[in-house]
Amino acid sequence: MVTSPAIIAVFSVGGFVLIFALCAAMFIKLYSPRLSFVQALLIAGWSIFVSTVLLIVFTVVKPDLKPAPVIDGLSALILFCLSGVLITWQARKYGVEKSGWLGVGGKAMLSVFVLSSLFFGAYLVVHNLT
């Protein structure tokens, strides 16, 4: 049985969005306790889905645009920032006010970045020890 590359891509992107949204939802819930976990998951899922779709569109049209190499390298950072902005924007609809310099989305995405960096560092340590 041969699996279509399109099906593999859809499930890969879906899995990425789901795992990323679950991590972000935990931090949204942490920084905004009056939201339910389901509300936090909906906010994170929608925001990360939109920013991931935009990243995919950028990747598809990138050969025609011929961006500078630095822009290509910043695409993941732009994904994080856009996700944070969208999370803060969506959370405002649920009555969560921005407190301080970073909103709930910025705090959640910064926390997800730190958590993923720790996992990546642990992976590198374990991989290099074996």
C-alpha atoms as a PDB file:
ATOM      1  CA  MET A   1       0.000   0.000   0.000  1.00  0.00           C
ATOM      2  CA  VAL A   2       1.461   3.321  -1.092  1.00  0.00           C
ATOM      3  CA  THR A   3       0.597   6.448   0.872  1.00  0.00           C
ATOM      4  CA  SER A   4       0.229   9.703  -0.999  1.00  0.00           C
ATOM      5  CA  PRO A   5       2.764  12.412  -0.090  1.00  0.00           C
ATOM      6  CA  ALA A   6      -0.131  14.862   0.302  1.00  0.00           C
ATOM      7  CA  ILE A   7      -1.696  12.676   2.998  1.00  0.00           C
ATOM      8  CA  ILE A   8       1.625  12.409   4.805  1.00  0.00           C
ATOM      9  CA  ALA A   9       2.056  16.195   4.648  1.00  0.00           C
ATOM     10  CA  VAL A  10      -1.449  16.844   6.001  1.00  0.00           C
ATOM     11  CA  PHE A  11      -0.943  14.500   8.946  1.00  0.00           C
ATOM     12  CA  SER A  12       2.541  15.879   9.625  1.00  0.00           C
ATOM     13  CA  VAL A  13       1.294  19.478   9.673  1.00  0.00           C
ATOM     14  CA  GLY A  14      -1.752  18.456  11.714  1.00  0.00           C
ATOM     15  CA  GLY A  15       0.429  16.678  14.260  1.00  0.00           C
ATOM     16  CA  PHE A  16       2.755  19.668  14.487  1.00  0.00           C
ATOM     17  CA  VAL A  17      -0.155  22.057  15.055  1.00  0.00           C
ATOM     18  CA  LEU A  18      -1.732  19.738  17.644  1.00  0.00           C
ATOM     19  CA  ILE A  19       1.445  19.231  19.691  1.00  0.00           C
ATOM     20  CA  PHE A  20       2.373  22.908  19.439  1.00  0.00           C
ATOM     21  CA  ALA A  21      -1.194  23.944  20.388  1.00  0.00           C
ATOM     22  CA  LEU A  22      -1.262  21.614  23.408  1.00  0.00           C
ATOM     23  CA  CYS A  23       1.988  23.068  24.730  1.00  0.00           C
ATOM     24  CA  ALA A  24       0.838  26.635  24.086  1.00  0.00           C
ATOM     25  CA  ALA A  25      -2.569  25.930  25.682  1.00  0.00           C
ATOM     26  CA  MET A  26      -0.891  24.779  28.888  1.00  0.00           C
ATOM     27  CA  PHE A  27       1.014  28.050  29.107  1.00  0.00           C
ATOM     28  CA  ILE A  28      -2.033  30.129  28.140  1.00  0.00           C
ATOM     29  CA  LYS A  29      -3.913  28.450  30.968  1.00  0.00           C
ATOM     30  CA  LEU A  30      -0.989  29.142  33.299  1.00  0.00           C
ATOM     31  CA  TYR A  31      -0.815  32.845  32.432  1.00  0.00           C
ATOM     32  CA  SER A  32      -4.577  33.340  32.189  1.00  0.00           C
ATOM     33  CA  PRO A  33      -6.185  31.097  34.823  1.00  0.00           C
ATOM     34  CA  ARG A  34      -9.754  32.276  34.274  1.00  0.00           C
ATOM     35  CA  LEU A  35      -9.829  30.680  30.817  1.00  0.00           C
ATOM     36  CA  SER A  36     -10.792  27.024  30.659  1.00  0.00           C
ATOM     37  CA  PHE A  37      -8.320  24.609  29.109  1.00  0.00           C
ATOM     38  CA  VAL A  38     -10.671  24.070  26.173  1.00  0.00           C
ATOM     39  CA  GLN A  39     -10.794  27.833  25.523  1.00  0.00           C
ATOM     40  CA  ALA A  40      -7.006  28.004  25.751  1.00  0.00           C
ATOM     41  CA  LEU A  41      -6.698  25.064  23.353  1.00  0.00           C
ATOM     42  CA  LEU A  42      -9.100  26.657  20.869  1.00  0.00           C
ATOM     43  CA  ILE A  43      -7.187  29.946  21.008  1.00  0.00           C
ATOM     44  CA  ALA A  44      -3.818  28.236  20.597  1.00  0.00           C
ATOM     45  CA  GLY A  45      -5.013  25.809  17.919  1.00  0.00           C
ATOM     46  CA  TRP A  46      -6.563  28.501  15.747  1.00  0.00           C
ATOM     47  CA  SER A  47      -3.619  30.869  16.106  1.00  0.00           C
ATOM     48  CA  ILE A  48      -0.967  28.260  15.420  1.00  0.00           C
ATOM     49  CA  PHE A  49      -2.954  26.810  12.520  1.00  0.00           C
ATOM     50  CA  VAL A  50      -3.231  30.225  10.835  1.00  0.00           C
ATOM     51  CA  SER A  51       0.447  31.044  11.287  1.00  0.00           C
ATOM     52  CA  THR A  52       1.479  27.564  10.094  1.00  0.00           C
ATOM     53  CA  VAL A  53      -0.659  27.887   6.966  1.00  0.00           C
ATOM     54  CA  LEU A  54       0.967  31.250   6.266  1.00  0.00           C
ATOM     55  CA  LEU A  55       4.400  29.655   6.742  1.00  0.00           C
ATOM     56  CA  ILE A  56       3.469  26.883   4.288  1.00  0.00           C
ATOM     57  CA  VAL A  57       2.274  29.460   1.749  1.00  0.00           C
ATOM     58  CA  PHE A  58       5.569  31.337   2.194  1.00  0.00           C
ATOM     59  CA  THR A  59       7.502  28.106   1.664  1.00  0.00           C
ATOM     60  CA  VAL A  60       5.564  27.348  -1.524  1.00  0.00           C
ATOM     61  CA  VAL A  61       6.019  30.814  -3.060  1.00  0.00           C
ATOM     62  CA  LYS A  62       9.577  31.261  -1.767  1.00  0.00           C
ATOM     63  CA  PRO A  63      11.261  30.091  -5.004  1.00  0.00           C
ATOM     64  CA  ASP A  64       9.382  32.760  -6.949  1.00  0.00           C
ATOM     65  CA  LEU A  65      10.049  35.508  -4.390  1.00  0.00           C
ATOM     66  CA  LYS A  66      13.766  34.719  -3.974  1.00  0.00           C
ATOM     67  CA  PRO A  67      14.008  36.251  -0.479  1.00  0.00           C
ATOM     68  CA  ALA A  68      17.309  37.023   1.180  1.00  0.00           C
ATOM     69  CA  PRO A  69      18.768  34.048   3.079  1.00  0.00           C
ATOM     70  CA  VAL A  70      18.286  35.874   6.384  1.00  0.00           C
ATOM     71  CA  ILE A  71      14.527  36.080   5.755  1.00  0.00           C
ATOM     72  CA  ASP A  72      14.398  32.347   5.156  1.00  0.00           C
ATOM     73  CA  GLY A  73      16.165  31.746   8.461  1.00  0.00           C
ATOM     74  CA  LEU A  74      13.816  34.079  10.313  1.00  0.00           C
ATOM     75  CA  SER A  75      10.684  32.250   9.169  1.00  0.00           C
ATOM     76  CA  ALA A  76      10.487  30.164  12.377  1.00  0.00           C
ATOM     77  CA  LEU A  77      10.887  33.278  14.517  1.00  0.00           C
ATOM     78  CA  ILE A  78       8.175  34.984  12.498  1.00  0.00           C
ATOM     79  CA  LEU A  79       5.956  31.916  13.081  1.00  0.00           C
ATOM     80  CA  PHE A  80       6.446  32.243  16.853  1.00  0.00           C
ATOM     81  CA  CYS A  81       5.811  35.992  16.867  1.00  0.00           C
ATOM     82  CA  LEU A  82       2.744  35.758  14.651  1.00  0.00           C
ATOM     83  CA  SER A  83       1.346  32.956  16.798  1.00  0.00           C
ATOM     84  CA  GLY A  84       1.871  35.061  19.918  1.00  0.00           C
ATOM     85  CA  VAL A  85       0.139  38.078  18.408  1.00  0.00           C
ATOM     86  CA  LEU A  86      -2.802  35.970  17.250  1.00  0.00           C
ATOM     87  CA  ILE A  87      -3.108  34.299  20.662  1.00  0.00           C
ATOM     88  CA  THR A  88      -3.174  37.667  22.426  1.00  0.00           C
ATOM     89  CA  TRP A  89      -5.722  38.953  19.911  1.00  0.00           C
ATOM     90  CA  GLN A  90      -7.964  35.900  20.351  1.00  0.00           C
ATOM     91  CA  ALA A  91      -7.623  35.930  24.152  1.00  0.00           C
ATOM     92  CA  ARG A  92      -8.792  39.540  24.185  1.00  0.00           C
ATOM     93  CA  LYS A  93     -12.086  38.290  22.730  1.00  0.00           C
ATOM     94  CA  TYR A  94     -12.451  36.129  25.859  1.00  0.00           C
ATOM     95  CA  GLY A  95     -11.858  39.132  28.112  1.00  0.00           C
ATOM     96  CA  VAL A  96      -8.159  38.617  28.822  1.00  0.00           C
ATOM     97  CA  GLU A  97      -6.457  41.999  28.983  1.00  0.00           C
ATOM     98  CA  LYS A  98      -2.829  42.522  28.030  1.00  0.00           C
ATOM     99  CA  SER A  99      -0.764  43.174  31.138  1.00  0.00           C
ATOM    100  CA  GLY A 100       2.754  44.466  30.807  1.00  0.00           C
ATOM    101  CA  TRP A 101       4.922  44.451  27.728  1.00  0.00           C
ATOM    102  CA  LEU A 102       4.021  40.935  26.573  1.00  0.00           C
ATOM    103  CA  GLY A 103       0.461  39.721  26.272  1.00  0.00           C
ATOM    104  CA  VAL A 104      -0.644  36.199  27.124  1.00  0.00           C
ATOM    105  CA  GLY A 105       0.361  35.075  23.611  1.00  0.00           C
ATOM    106  CA  GLY A 106       3.864  36.480  23.889  1.00  0.00           C
ATOM    107  CA  LYS A 107       4.365  34.885  27.291  1.00  0.00           C
ATOM    108  CA  ALA A 108       2.988  31.539  26.077  1.00  0.00           C
ATOM    109  CA  MET A 109       5.118  31.483  22.918  1.00  0.00           C
ATOM    110  CA  LEU A 110       8.246  32.507  24.807  1.00  0.00           C
ATOM    111  CA  SER A 111       7.557  29.672  27.269  1.00  0.00           C
ATOM    112  CA  VAL A 112       7.013  27.197  24.412  1.00  0.00           C
ATOM    113  CA  PHE A 113      10.298  28.333  22.873  1.00  0.00           C
ATOM    114  CA  VAL A 114      12.151  27.796  26.157  1.00  0.00           C
ATOM    115  CA  LEU A 115      10.508  24.391  26.648  1.00  0.00           C
ATOM    116  CA  SER A 116      11.344  23.255  23.107  1.00  0.00           C
ATOM    117  CA  SER A 117      14.924  24.508  23.529  1.00  0.00           C
ATOM    118  CA  LEU A 118      15.260  22.457  26.720  1.00  0.00           C
ATOM    119  CA  PHE A 119      13.925  19.346  24.962  1.00  0.00           C
ATOM    120  CA  PHE A 120      16.273  19.919  22.035  1.00  0.00           C
ATOM    121  CA  GLY A 121      19.221  20.421  24.386  1.00  0.00           C
ATOM    122  CA  ALA A 122      18.354  17.243  26.301  1.00  0.00           C
ATOM    123  CA  TYR A 123      18.102  15.362  23.002  1.00  0.00           C
ATOM    124  CA  LEU A 124      21.536  16.599  21.942  1.00  0.00           C
ATOM    125  CA  VAL A 125      23.063  15.599  25.289  1.00  0.00           C
ATOM    126  CA  VAL A 126      21.532  12.115  25.180  1.00  0.00           C
ATOM    127  CA  HIS A 127      22.358  11.645  21.491  1.00  0.00           C
ATOM    128  CA  ASN A 128      25.990  12.680  21.935  1.00  0.00           C
ATOM    129  CA  LEU A 129      26.458  10.485  25.001  1.00  0.00           C
ATOM    130  CA  THR A 130      25.462   7.318  23.172  1.00  0.00           C
END
